[in-house]
Amino acid sequence: MELIEIPAAIRAFIDATNAGDSDAFVAAFTPDATLDDWGRKFAGHAGVRDWDRTDNIGVQSHFDLLAIEPGEEPDSYVATMRVRGNGYNGTGPMTFRLRGGLVASLRISG
């Protein structure tokens, strides 16, 4: 596996979650970001904030980055995360597409 540097936007996504900082979490996304959590779709900062409240910081999630590799698209990455908290617990991929140093889209699936 190719070793790559963790992009700042993905690091901010993880660090904000682990610190319980919802404002920093939302700020890691572009204003027009999309988030797809197993087919549940959220759009823009308002949608990201809603998802954060119900599925992320709102349920005390904690992320451990296990691996990261380039995705199939330019400026995309697949991060394998271990998630712990009072919501989903388990390990799986998160596919990020970045734009302008921020997360433009996030897809969580198996």
PDB file of N, CA and C in Angstrom:
ATOM      1  N   MET A   1       0.846  -1.177   0.000  1.00  0.00           N
ATOM      2  CA  MET A   1       0.000   0.000   0.000  1.00  0.00           C
ATOM      3  C   MET A   1       0.886   1.233   0.000  1.00  0.00           C
ATOM      4  N   GLU A   2       0.489   2.193  -0.795  1.00  0.00           N
ATOM      5  CA  GLU A   2       1.221   3.443  -0.906  1.00  0.00           C
ATOM      6  C   GLU A   2       0.989   4.288   0.351  1.00  0.00           C
ATOM      7  N   LEU A   3       2.060   4.801   0.916  1.00  0.00           N
ATOM      8  CA  LEU A   3       1.941   5.700   2.058  1.00  0.00           C
ATOM      9  C   LEU A   3       1.676   7.105   1.547  1.00  0.00           C
ATOM     10  N   ILE A   4       0.618   7.727   2.059  1.00  0.00           N
ATOM     11  CA  ILE A   4       0.309   9.090   1.645  1.00  0.00           C
ATOM     12  C   ILE A   4       0.097   9.946   2.882  1.00  0.00           C
ATOM     13  N   GLU A   5       0.293  11.223   2.703  1.00  0.00           N
ATOM     14  CA  GLU A   5       0.044  12.172   3.783  1.00  0.00           C
ATOM     15  C   GLU A   5      -1.459  12.360   3.947  1.00  0.00           C
ATOM     16  N   ILE A   6      -1.904  12.477   5.174  1.00  0.00           N
ATOM     17  CA  ILE A   6      -3.325  12.690   5.437  1.00  0.00           C
ATOM     18  C   ILE A   6      -3.670  14.133   5.068  1.00  0.00           C
ATOM     19  N   PRO A   7      -4.594  14.324   4.117  1.00  0.00           N
ATOM     20  CA  PRO A   7      -4.971  15.687   3.746  1.00  0.00           C
ATOM     21  C   PRO A   7      -5.520  16.449   4.961  1.00  0.00           C
ATOM     22  N   ALA A   8      -5.255  17.747   5.004  1.00  0.00           N
ATOM     23  CA  ALA A   8      -5.663  18.581   6.142  1.00  0.00           C
ATOM     24  C   ALA A   8      -7.170  18.520   6.382  1.00  0.00           C
ATOM     25  N   ALA A   9      -7.977  18.475   5.327  1.00  0.00           N
ATOM     26  CA  ALA A   9      -9.432  18.447   5.498  1.00  0.00           C
ATOM     27  C   ALA A   9      -9.889  17.168   6.202  1.00  0.00           C
ATOM     28  N   ILE A  10      -9.271  16.052   5.877  1.00  0.00           N
ATOM     29  CA  ILE A  10      -9.631  14.781   6.523  1.00  0.00           C
ATOM     30  C   ILE A  10      -9.140  14.783   7.960  1.00  0.00           C
ATOM     31  N   ARG A  11      -7.961  15.330   8.190  1.00  0.00           N
ATOM     32  CA  ARG A  11      -7.443  15.457   9.560  1.00  0.00           C
ATOM     33  C   ARG A  11      -8.385  16.338  10.380  1.00  0.00           C
ATOM     34  N   ALA A  12      -8.876  17.444   9.804  1.00  0.00           N
ATOM     35  CA  ALA A  12      -9.798  18.343  10.513  1.00  0.00           C
ATOM     36  C   ALA A  12     -11.115  17.629  10.829  1.00  0.00           C
ATOM     37  N   PHE A  13     -11.615  16.822   9.891  1.00  0.00           N
ATOM     38  CA  PHE A  13     -12.836  16.033  10.080  1.00  0.00           C
ATOM     39  C   PHE A  13     -12.676  15.103  11.289  1.00  0.00           C
ATOM     40  N   ILE A  14     -11.553  14.407  11.351  1.00  0.00           N
ATOM     41  CA  ILE A  14     -11.299  13.471  12.453  1.00  0.00           C
ATOM     42  C   ILE A  14     -11.092  14.222  13.767  1.00  0.00           C
ATOM     43  N   ASP A  15     -10.219  15.233  13.742  1.00  0.00           N
ATOM     44  CA  ASP A  15      -9.885  15.962  14.970  1.00  0.00           C
ATOM     45  C   ASP A  15     -11.106  16.657  15.563  1.00  0.00           C
ATOM     46  N   ALA A  16     -11.940  17.283  14.725  1.00  0.00           N
ATOM     47  CA  ALA A  16     -13.133  17.969  15.227  1.00  0.00           C
ATOM     48  C   ALA A  16     -14.105  16.975  15.858  1.00  0.00           C
ATOM     49  N   THR A  17     -14.276  15.819  15.214  1.00  0.00           N
ATOM     50  CA  THR A  17     -15.150  14.793  15.784  1.00  0.00           C
ATOM     51  C   THR A  17     -14.623  14.356  17.142  1.00  0.00           C
ATOM     52  N   ASN A  18     -13.347  14.017  17.196  1.00  0.00           N
ATOM     53  CA  ASN A  18     -12.773  13.495  18.439  1.00  0.00           C
ATOM     54  C   ASN A  18     -12.759  14.535  19.553  1.00  0.00           C
ATOM     55  N   ALA A  19     -12.730  15.825  19.194  1.00  0.00           N
ATOM     56  CA  ALA A  19     -12.762  16.903  20.186  1.00  0.00           C
ATOM     57  C   ALA A  19     -14.191  17.309  20.553  1.00  0.00           C
ATOM     58  N   GLY A  20     -15.186  16.773  19.822  1.00  0.00           N
ATOM     59  CA  GLY A  20     -16.571  17.147  20.073  1.00  0.00           C
ATOM     60  C   GLY A  20     -16.872  18.579  19.656  1.00  0.00           C
ATOM     61  N   ASP A  21     -16.178  19.087  18.645  1.00  0.00           N
ATOM     62  CA  ASP A  21     -16.306  20.473  18.202  1.00  0.00           C
ATOM     63  C   ASP A  21     -17.140  20.529  16.914  1.00  0.00           C
ATOM     64  N   SER A  22     -18.449  20.698  17.082  1.00  0.00           N
ATOM     65  CA  SER A  22     -19.357  20.679  15.925  1.00  0.00           C
ATOM     66  C   SER A  22     -19.095  21.810  14.943  1.00  0.00           C
ATOM     67  N   ASP A  23     -18.744  23.002  15.436  1.00  0.00           N
ATOM     68  CA  ASP A  23     -18.481  24.117  14.521  1.00  0.00           C
ATOM     69  C   ASP A  23     -17.260  23.832  13.654  1.00  0.00           C
ATOM     70  N   ALA A  24     -16.196  23.302  14.248  1.00  0.00           N
ATOM     71  CA  ALA A  24     -15.005  22.941  13.474  1.00  0.00           C
ATOM     72  C   ALA A  24     -15.313  21.800  12.511  1.00  0.00           C
ATOM     73  N   PHE A  25     -16.177  20.880  12.925  1.00  0.00           N
ATOM     74  CA  PHE A  25     -16.557  19.762  12.061  1.00  0.00           C
ATOM     75  C   PHE A  25     -17.235  20.300  10.793  1.00  0.00           C
ATOM     76  N   VAL A  26     -18.242  21.143  10.967  1.00  0.00           N
ATOM     77  CA  VAL A  26     -18.963  21.696   9.812  1.00  0.00           C
ATOM     78  C   VAL A  26     -18.023  22.535   8.949  1.00  0.00           C
ATOM     79  N   ALA A  27     -17.109  23.260   9.577  1.00  0.00           N
ATOM     80  CA  ALA A  27     -16.170  24.117   8.843  1.00  0.00           C
ATOM     81  C   ALA A  27     -15.200  23.318   7.968  1.00  0.00           C
ATOM     82  N   ALA A  28     -15.069  22.019   8.214  1.00  0.00           N
ATOM     83  CA  ALA A  28     -14.196  21.174   7.391  1.00  0.00           C
ATOM     84  C   ALA A  28     -14.820  20.872   6.028  1.00  0.00           C
ATOM     85  N   PHE A  29     -16.096  21.218   5.840  1.00  0.00           N
ATOM     86  CA  PHE A  29     -16.837  20.925   4.612  1.00  0.00           C
ATOM     87  C   PHE A  29     -17.052  22.182   3.787  1.00  0.00           C
ATOM     88  N   THR A  30     -17.142  22.024   2.462  1.00  0.00           N
ATOM     89  CA  THR A  30     -17.511  23.127   1.588  1.00  0.00           C
ATOM     90  C   THR A  30     -18.981  23.489   1.856  1.00  0.00           C
ATOM     91  N   PRO A  31     -19.379  24.723   1.569  1.00  0.00           N
ATOM     92  CA  PRO A  31     -20.776  25.113   1.790  1.00  0.00           C
ATOM     93  C   PRO A  31     -21.780  24.258   1.015  1.00  0.00           C
ATOM     94  N   ASP A  32     -21.368  23.693  -0.122  1.00  0.00           N
ATOM     95  CA  ASP A  32     -22.266  22.876  -0.950  1.00  0.00           C
ATOM     96  C   ASP A  32     -21.966  21.378  -0.829  1.00  0.00           C
ATOM     97  N   ALA A  33     -21.339  20.986   0.264  1.00  0.00           N
ATOM     98  CA  ALA A  33     -20.932  19.592   0.447  1.00  0.00           C
ATOM     99  C   ALA A  33     -22.133  18.644   0.434  1.00  0.00           C
ATOM    100  N   THR A  34     -21.832  17.404   0.057  1.00  0.00           N
ATOM    101  CA  THR A  34     -22.822  16.334   0.155  1.00  0.00           C
ATOM    102  C   THR A  34     -22.267  15.252   1.059  1.00  0.00           C
ATOM    103  N   LEU A  35     -23.157  14.630   1.832  1.00  0.00           N
ATOM    104  CA  LEU A  35     -22.783  13.533   2.715  1.00  0.00           C
ATOM    105  C   LEU A  35     -23.794  12.417   2.490  1.00  0.00           C
ATOM    106  N   ASP A  36     -23.300  11.233   2.163  1.00  0.00           N
ATOM    107  CA  ASP A  36     -24.150  10.066   1.897  1.00  0.00           C
ATOM    108  C   ASP A  36     -23.755   8.977   2.890  1.00  0.00           C
ATOM    109  N   ASP A  37     -24.634   8.708   3.844  1.00  0.00           N
ATOM    110  CA  ASP A  37     -24.395   7.714   4.889  1.00  0.00           C
ATOM    111  C   ASP A  37     -25.303   6.524   4.614  1.00  0.00           C
ATOM    112  N   TRP A  38     -24.764   5.544   3.888  1.00  0.00           N
ATOM    113  CA  TRP A  38     -25.512   4.343   3.516  1.00  0.00           C
ATOM    114  C   TRP A  38     -26.848   4.703   2.861  1.00  0.00           C
ATOM    115  N   GLY A  39     -26.822   5.686   1.945  1.00  0.00           N
ATOM    116  CA  GLY A  39     -28.019   6.060   1.196  1.00  0.00           C
ATOM    117  C   GLY A  39     -28.819   7.196   1.824  1.00  0.00           C
ATOM    118  N   ARG A  40     -28.524   7.553   3.061  1.00  0.00           N
ATOM    119  CA  ARG A  40     -29.153   8.722   3.688  1.00  0.00           C
ATOM    120  C   ARG A  40     -28.337   9.927   3.264  1.00  0.00           C
ATOM    121  N   LYS A  41     -28.982  10.871   2.555  1.00  0.00           N
ATOM    122  CA  LYS A  41     -28.249  11.981   1.945  1.00  0.00           C
ATOM    123  C   LYS A  41     -28.493  13.292   2.699  1.00  0.00           C
ATOM    124  N   PHE A  42     -27.409  14.046   2.837  1.00  0.00           N
ATOM    125  CA  PHE A  42     -27.427  15.337   3.520  1.00  0.00           C
ATOM    126  C   PHE A  42     -26.691  16.325   2.621  1.00  0.00           C
ATOM    127  N   ALA A  43     -27.155  17.587   2.598  1.00  0.00           N
ATOM    128  CA  ALA A  43     -26.556  18.563   1.692  1.00  0.00           C
ATOM    129  C   ALA A  43     -26.247  19.867   2.417  1.00  0.00           C
ATOM    130  N   GLY A  44     -25.106  20.452   2.038  1.00  0.00           N
ATOM    131  CA  GLY A  44     -24.703  21.751   2.553  1.00  0.00           C
ATOM    132  C   GLY A  44     -24.331  21.718   4.027  1.00  0.00           C
ATOM    133  N   HIS A  45     -23.956  22.876   4.530  1.00  0.00           N
ATOM    134  CA  HIS A  45     -23.559  22.957   5.938  1.00  0.00           C
ATOM    135  C   HIS A  45     -24.712  22.567   6.865  1.00  0.00           C
ATOM    136  N   ALA A  46     -25.951  22.926   6.515  1.00  0.00           N
ATOM    137  CA  ALA A  46     -27.091  22.578   7.364  1.00  0.00           C
ATOM    138  C   ALA A  46     -27.264  21.061   7.429  1.00  0.00           C
ATOM    139  N   GLY A  47     -27.131  20.392   6.300  1.00  0.00           N
ATOM    140  CA  GLY A  47     -27.251  18.938   6.277  1.00  0.00           C
ATOM    141  C   GLY A  47     -26.125  18.266   7.039  1.00  0.00           C
ATOM    142  N   VAL A  48     -24.901  18.763   6.856  1.00  0.00           N
ATOM    143  CA  VAL A  48     -23.752  18.213   7.576  1.00  0.00           C
ATOM    144  C   VAL A  48     -23.958  18.388   9.078  1.00  0.00           C
ATOM    145  N   ARG A  49     -24.467  19.545   9.485  1.00  0.00           N
ATOM    146  CA  ARG A  49     -24.720  19.798  10.911  1.00  0.00           C
ATOM    147  C   ARG A  49     -25.800  18.843  11.444  1.00  0.00           C
ATOM    148  N   ASP A  50     -26.849  18.601  10.650  1.00  0.00           N
ATOM    149  CA  ASP A  50     -27.892  17.653  11.063  1.00  0.00           C
ATOM    150  C   ASP A  50     -27.312  16.265  11.269  1.00  0.00           C
ATOM    151  N   TRP A  51     -26.519  15.788  10.295  1.00  0.00           N
ATOM    152  CA  TRP A  51     -25.907  14.462  10.410  1.00  0.00           C
ATOM    153  C   TRP A  51     -24.982  14.409  11.621  1.00  0.00           C
ATOM    154  N   ASP A  52     -24.216  15.463  11.830  1.00  0.00           N
ATOM    155  CA  ASP A  52     -23.307  15.518  12.961  1.00  0.00           C
ATOM    156  C   ASP A  52     -24.085  15.373  14.277  1.00  0.00           C
ATOM    157  N   ARG A  53     -25.223  16.027  14.369  1.00  0.00           N
ATOM    158  CA  ARG A  53     -26.024  15.990  15.596  1.00  0.00           C
ATOM    159  C   ARG A  53     -26.620  14.602  15.848  1.00  0.00           C
ATOM    160  N   THR A  54     -27.071  13.921  14.794  1.00  0.00           N
ATOM    161  CA  THR A  54     -27.763  12.642  14.979  1.00  0.00           C
ATOM    162  C   THR A  54     -26.859  11.420  14.889  1.00  0.00           C
ATOM    163  N   ASP A  55     -25.737  11.537  14.150  1.00  0.00           N
ATOM    164  CA  ASP A  55     -24.936  10.345  13.851  1.00  0.00           C
ATOM    165  C   ASP A  55     -23.463  10.462  14.196  1.00  0.00           C
ATOM    166  N   ASN A  56     -23.007  11.616  14.684  1.00  0.00           N
ATOM    167  CA  ASN A  56     -21.571  11.798  14.878  1.00  0.00           C
ATOM    168  C   ASN A  56     -21.291  12.372  16.262  1.00  0.00           C
ATOM    169  N   ILE A  57     -20.997  13.637  16.365  1.00  0.00           N
ATOM    170  CA  ILE A  57     -20.669  14.224  17.670  1.00  0.00           C
ATOM    171  C   ILE A  57     -21.859  14.113  18.625  1.00  0.00           C
ATOM    172  N   GLY A  58     -23.069  14.193  18.096  1.00  0.00           N
ATOM    173  CA  GLY A  58     -24.267  14.064  18.930  1.00  0.00           C
ATOM    174  C   GLY A  58     -24.386  12.723  19.633  1.00  0.00           C
ATOM    175  N   VAL A  59     -23.688  11.711  19.136  1.00  0.00           N
ATOM    176  CA  VAL A  59     -23.669  10.395  19.785  1.00  0.00           C
ATOM    177  C   VAL A  59     -22.251  10.031  20.242  1.00  0.00           C
ATOM    178  N   GLN A  60     -21.456  11.077  20.487  1.00  0.00           N
ATOM    179  CA  GLN A  60     -20.099  10.946  21.031  1.00  0.00           C
ATOM    180  C   GLN A  60     -19.214   9.996  20.215  1.00  0.00           C
ATOM    181  N   SER A  61     -19.278  10.119  18.894  1.00  0.00           N
ATOM    182  CA  SER A  61     -18.417   9.284  18.042  1.00  0.00           C
ATOM    183  C   SER A  61     -16.955   9.653  18.228  1.00  0.00           C
ATOM    184  N   HIS A  62     -16.113   8.654  18.034  1.00  0.00           N
ATOM    185  CA  HIS A  62     -14.663   8.833  18.057  1.00  0.00           C
ATOM    186  C   HIS A  62     -14.109   8.041  16.880  1.00  0.00           C
ATOM    187  N   PHE A  63     -13.240   8.693  16.080  1.00  0.00           N
ATOM    188  CA  PHE A  63     -12.652   8.055  14.903  1.00  0.00           C
ATOM    189  C   PHE A  63     -11.192   7.708  15.145  1.00  0.00           C
ATOM    190  N   ASP A  64     -10.820   6.500  14.739  1.00  0.00           N
ATOM    191  CA  ASP A  64      -9.414   6.090  14.663  1.00  0.00           C
ATOM    192  C   ASP A  64      -9.133   5.788  13.199  1.00  0.00           C
ATOM    193  N   LEU A  65      -8.230   6.557  12.595  1.00  0.00           N
ATOM    194  CA  LEU A  65      -7.854   6.329  11.201  1.00  0.00           C
ATOM    195  C   LEU A  65      -6.914   5.132  11.149  1.00  0.00           C
ATOM    196  N   LEU A  66      -7.326   4.095  10.434  1.00  0.00           N
ATOM    197  CA  LEU A  66      -6.515   2.879  10.320  1.00  0.00           C
ATOM    198  C   LEU A  66      -5.680   2.857   9.054  1.00  0.00           C
ATOM    199  N   ALA A  67      -6.212   3.440   7.967  1.00  0.00           N
ATOM    200  CA  ALA A  67      -5.499   3.460   6.685  1.00  0.00           C
ATOM    201  C   ALA A  67      -6.124   4.522   5.804  1.00  0.00           C
ATOM    202  N   ILE A  68      -5.324   5.022   4.878  1.00  0.00           N
ATOM    203  CA  ILE A  68      -5.840   5.963   3.878  1.00  0.00           C
ATOM    204  C   ILE A  68      -5.103   5.714   2.572  1.00  0.00           C
ATOM    205  N   GLU A  69      -5.861   5.773   1.479  1.00  0.00           N
ATOM    206  CA  GLU A  69      -5.263   5.590   0.160  1.00  0.00           C
ATOM    207  C   GLU A  69      -5.991   6.458  -0.851  1.00  0.00           C
ATOM    208  N   PRO A  70      -5.334   6.732  -1.967  1.00  0.00           N
ATOM    209  CA  PRO A  70      -5.980   7.543  -3.004  1.00  0.00           C
ATOM    210  C   PRO A  70      -7.242   6.851  -3.511  1.00  0.00           C
ATOM    211  N   GLY A  71      -8.267   7.644  -3.819  1.00  0.00           N
ATOM    212  CA  GLY A  71      -9.498   7.109  -4.393  1.00  0.00           C
ATOM    213  C   GLY A  71      -9.394   7.006  -5.899  1.00  0.00           C
ATOM    214  N   GLU A  72     -10.511   6.653  -6.519  1.00  0.00           N
ATOM    215  CA  GLU A  72     -10.538   6.466  -7.978  1.00  0.00           C
ATOM    216  C   GLU A  72     -10.608   7.789  -8.727  1.00  0.00           C
ATOM    217  N   GLU A  73     -11.127   8.825  -8.096  1.00  0.00           N
ATOM    218  CA  GLU A  73     -11.278  10.135  -8.724  1.00  0.00           C
ATOM    219  C   GLU A  73     -10.137  11.050  -8.271  1.00  0.00           C
ATOM    220  N   PRO A  74      -9.837  12.096  -9.050  1.00  0.00           N
ATOM    221  CA  PRO A  74      -8.851  13.083  -8.587  1.00  0.00           C
ATOM    222  C   PRO A  74      -9.319  13.717  -7.275  1.00  0.00           C
ATOM    223  N   ASP A  75      -8.387  14.004  -6.385  1.00  0.00           N
ATOM    224  CA  ASP A  75      -8.680  14.637  -5.093  1.00  0.00           C
ATOM    225  C   ASP A  75      -9.642  13.819  -4.245  1.00  0.00           C
ATOM    226  N   SER A  76      -9.615  12.494  -4.418  1.00  0.00           N
ATOM    227  CA  SER A  76     -10.451  11.649  -3.573  1.00  0.00           C
ATOM    228  C   SER A  76      -9.570  10.660  -2.811  1.00  0.00           C
ATOM    229  N   TYR A  77     -10.075  10.263  -1.653  1.00  0.00           N
ATOM    230  CA  TYR A  77      -9.339   9.390  -0.741  1.00  0.00           C
ATOM    231  C   TYR A  77     -10.314   8.426  -0.095  1.00  0.00           C
ATOM    232  N   VAL A  78      -9.835   7.214   0.157  1.00  0.00           N
ATOM    233  CA  VAL A  78     -10.611   6.232   0.912  1.00  0.00           C
ATOM    234  C   VAL A  78      -9.897   6.038   2.243  1.00  0.00           C
ATOM    235  N   ALA A  79     -10.600   6.401   3.306  1.00  0.00           N
ATOM    236  CA  ALA A  79     -10.058   6.287   4.655  1.00  0.00           C
ATOM    237  C   ALA A  79     -10.774   5.145   5.372  1.00  0.00           C
ATOM    238  N   THR A  80     -10.016   4.207   5.885  1.00  0.00           N
ATOM    239  CA  THR A  80     -10.600   3.145   6.696  1.00  0.00           C
ATOM    240  C   THR A  80     -10.583   3.615   8.140  1.00  0.00           C
ATOM    241  N   MET A  81     -11.774   3.696   8.728  1.00  0.00           N
ATOM    242  CA  MET A  81     -11.928   4.238  10.074  1.00  0.00           C
ATOM    243  C   MET A  81     -12.535   3.209  11.014  1.00  0.00           C
ATOM    244  N   ARG A  82     -12.053   3.239  12.238  1.00  0.00           N
ATOM    245  CA  ARG A  82     -12.715   2.530  13.327  1.00  0.00           C
ATOM    246  C   ARG A  82     -13.542   3.583  14.051  1.00  0.00           C
ATOM    247  N   VAL A  83     -14.837   3.320  14.216  1.00  0.00           N
ATOM    248  CA  VAL A  83     -15.754   4.261  14.852  1.00  0.00           C
ATOM    249  C   VAL A  83     -16.231   3.662  16.167  1.00  0.00           C
ATOM    250  N   ARG A  84     -16.142   4.488  17.214  1.00  0.00           N
ATOM    251  CA  ARG A  84     -16.663   4.099  18.529  1.00  0.00           C
ATOM    252  C   ARG A  84     -17.576   5.204  19.024  1.00  0.00           C
ATOM    253  N   GLY A  85     -18.497   4.872  19.891  1.00  0.00           N
ATOM    254  CA  GLY A  85     -19.372   5.881  20.482  1.00  0.00           C
ATOM    255  C   GLY A  85     -20.690   5.282  20.885  1.00  0.00           C
ATOM    256  N   ASN A  86     -21.702   6.147  21.003  1.00  0.00           N
ATOM    257  CA  ASN A  86     -23.034   5.710  21.411  1.00  0.00           C
ATOM    258  C   ASN A  86     -23.971   5.555  20.220  1.00  0.00           C
ATOM    259  N   GLY A  87     -23.391   5.481  19.033  1.00  0.00           N
ATOM    260  CA  GLY A  87     -24.152   5.225  17.809  1.00  0.00           C
ATOM    261  C   GLY A  87     -23.537   4.007  17.138  1.00  0.00           C
ATOM    262  N   TYR A  88     -23.164   4.169  15.880  1.00  0.00           N
ATOM    263  CA  TYR A  88     -22.515   3.086  15.133  1.00  0.00           C
ATOM    264  C   TYR A  88     -21.151   2.785  15.744  1.00  0.00           C
ATOM    265  N   ASN A  89     -20.845   1.508  15.870  1.00  0.00           N
ATOM    266  CA  ASN A  89     -19.520   1.063  16.285  1.00  0.00           C
ATOM    267  C   ASN A  89     -19.053   0.013  15.285  1.00  0.00           C
ATOM    268  N   GLY A  90     -17.876   0.217  14.722  1.00  0.00           N
ATOM    269  CA  GLY A  90     -17.346  -0.739  13.768  1.00  0.00           C
ATOM    270  C   GLY A  90     -16.282  -0.092  12.912  1.00  0.00           C
ATOM    271  N   THR A  91     -15.837  -0.845  11.910  1.00  0.00           N
ATOM    272  CA  THR A  91     -14.764  -0.399  11.033  1.00  0.00           C
ATOM    273  C   THR A  91     -15.258  -0.443   9.593  1.00  0.00           C
ATOM    274  N   GLY A  92     -14.922   0.597   8.829  1.00  0.00           N
ATOM    275  CA  GLY A  92     -15.319   0.598   7.430  1.00  0.00           C
ATOM    276  C   GLY A  92     -14.734   1.776   6.688  1.00  0.00           C
ATOM    277  N   PRO A  93     -14.983   1.813   5.378  1.00  0.00           N
ATOM    278  CA  PRO A  93     -14.420   2.874   4.538  1.00  0.00           C
ATOM    279  C   PRO A  93     -15.282   4.123   4.513  1.00  0.00           C
ATOM    280  N   MET A  94     -14.614   5.255   4.426  1.00  0.00           N
ATOM    281  CA  MET A  94     -15.244   6.543   4.159  1.00  0.00           C
ATOM    282  C   MET A  94     -14.529   7.113   2.947  1.00  0.00           C
ATOM    283  N   THR A  95     -15.286   7.460   1.916  1.00  0.00           N
ATOM    284  CA  THR A  95     -14.705   8.004   0.697  1.00  0.00           C
ATOM    285  C   THR A  95     -14.912   9.516   0.677  1.00  0.00           C
ATOM    286  N   PHE A  96     -13.807  10.232   0.677  1.00  0.00           N
ATOM    287  CA  PHE A  96     -13.809  11.691   0.690  1.00  0.00           C
ATOM    288  C   PHE A  96     -13.423  12.216  -0.683  1.00  0.00           C
ATOM    289  N   ARG A  97     -14.095  13.272  -1.134  1.00  0.00           N
ATOM    290  CA  ARG A  97     -13.649  14.043  -2.293  1.00  0.00           C
ATOM    291  C   ARG A  97     -13.407  15.452  -1.782  1.00  0.00           C
ATOM    292  N   LEU A  98     -12.241  15.981  -2.059  1.00  0.00           N
ATOM    293  CA  LEU A  98     -11.851  17.284  -1.537  1.00  0.00           C
ATOM    294  C   LEU A  98     -11.876  18.341  -2.628  1.00  0.00           C
ATOM    295  N   ARG A  99     -12.105  19.595  -2.218  1.00  0.00           N
ATOM    296  CA  ARG A  99     -12.051  20.728  -3.136  1.00  0.00           C
ATOM    297  C   ARG A  99     -11.659  21.954  -2.315  1.00  0.00           C
ATOM    298  N   GLY A 100     -10.640  22.643  -2.747  1.00  0.00           N
ATOM    299  CA  GLY A 100     -10.224  23.863  -2.081  1.00  0.00           C
ATOM    300  C   GLY A 100      -9.819  23.662  -0.631  1.00  0.00           C
ATOM    301  N   GLY A 101      -9.253  22.507  -0.321  1.00  0.00           N
ATOM    302  CA  GLY A 101      -8.803  22.245   1.037  1.00  0.00           C
ATOM    303  C   GLY A 101      -9.900  21.852   2.008  1.00  0.00           C
ATOM    304  N   LEU A 102     -11.106  21.583   1.490  1.00  0.00           N
ATOM    305  CA  LEU A 102     -12.235  21.184   2.328  1.00  0.00           C
ATOM    306  C   LEU A 102     -12.877  19.907   1.781  1.00  0.00           C
ATOM    307  N   VAL A 103     -13.736  19.289   2.575  1.00  0.00           N
ATOM    308  CA  VAL A 103     -14.445  18.096   2.154  1.00  0.00           C
ATOM    309  C   VAL A 103     -15.639  18.538   1.292  1.00  0.00           C
ATOM    310  N   ALA A 104     -15.647  18.134   0.027  1.00  0.00           N
ATOM    311  CA  ALA A 104     -16.743  18.450  -0.875  1.00  0.00           C
ATOM    312  C   ALA A 104     -17.808  17.351  -0.859  1.00  0.00           C
ATOM    313  N   SER A 105     -17.377  16.112  -0.636  1.00  0.00           N
ATOM    314  CA  SER A 105     -18.340  15.021  -0.489  1.00  0.00           C
ATOM    315  C   SER A 105     -17.740  13.929   0.377  1.00  0.00           C
ATOM    316  N   LEU A 106     -18.635  13.268   1.082  1.00  0.00           N
ATOM    317  CA  LEU A 106     -18.275  12.136   1.928  1.00  0.00           C
ATOM    318  C   LEU A 106     -19.295  11.055   1.694  1.00  0.00           C
ATOM    319  N   ARG A 107     -18.818   9.855   1.377  1.00  0.00           N
ATOM    320  CA  ARG A 107     -19.697   8.688   1.213  1.00  0.00           C
ATOM    321  C   ARG A 107     -19.266   7.632   2.217  1.00  0.00           C
ATOM    322  N   ILE A 108     -20.221   7.207   3.030  1.00  0.00           N
ATOM    323  CA  ILE A 108     -19.977   6.150   4.015  1.00  0.00           C
ATOM    324  C   ILE A 108     -20.766   4.941   3.549  1.00  0.00           C
ATOM    325  N   SER A 109     -20.054   3.840   3.311  1.00  0.00           N
ATOM    326  CA  SER A 109     -20.692   2.619   2.830  1.00  0.00           C
ATOM    327  C   SER A 109     -19.786   1.446   3.141  1.00  0.00           C
ATOM    328  N   GLY A 110     -20.243   0.263   2.764  1.00  0.00           N
ATOM    329  CA  GLY A 110     -19.466  -0.937   3.073  1.00  0.00           C
ATOM    330  C   GLY A 110     -18.415  -1.263   2.073  1.00  0.00           C
TER     331      GLY A 110
END
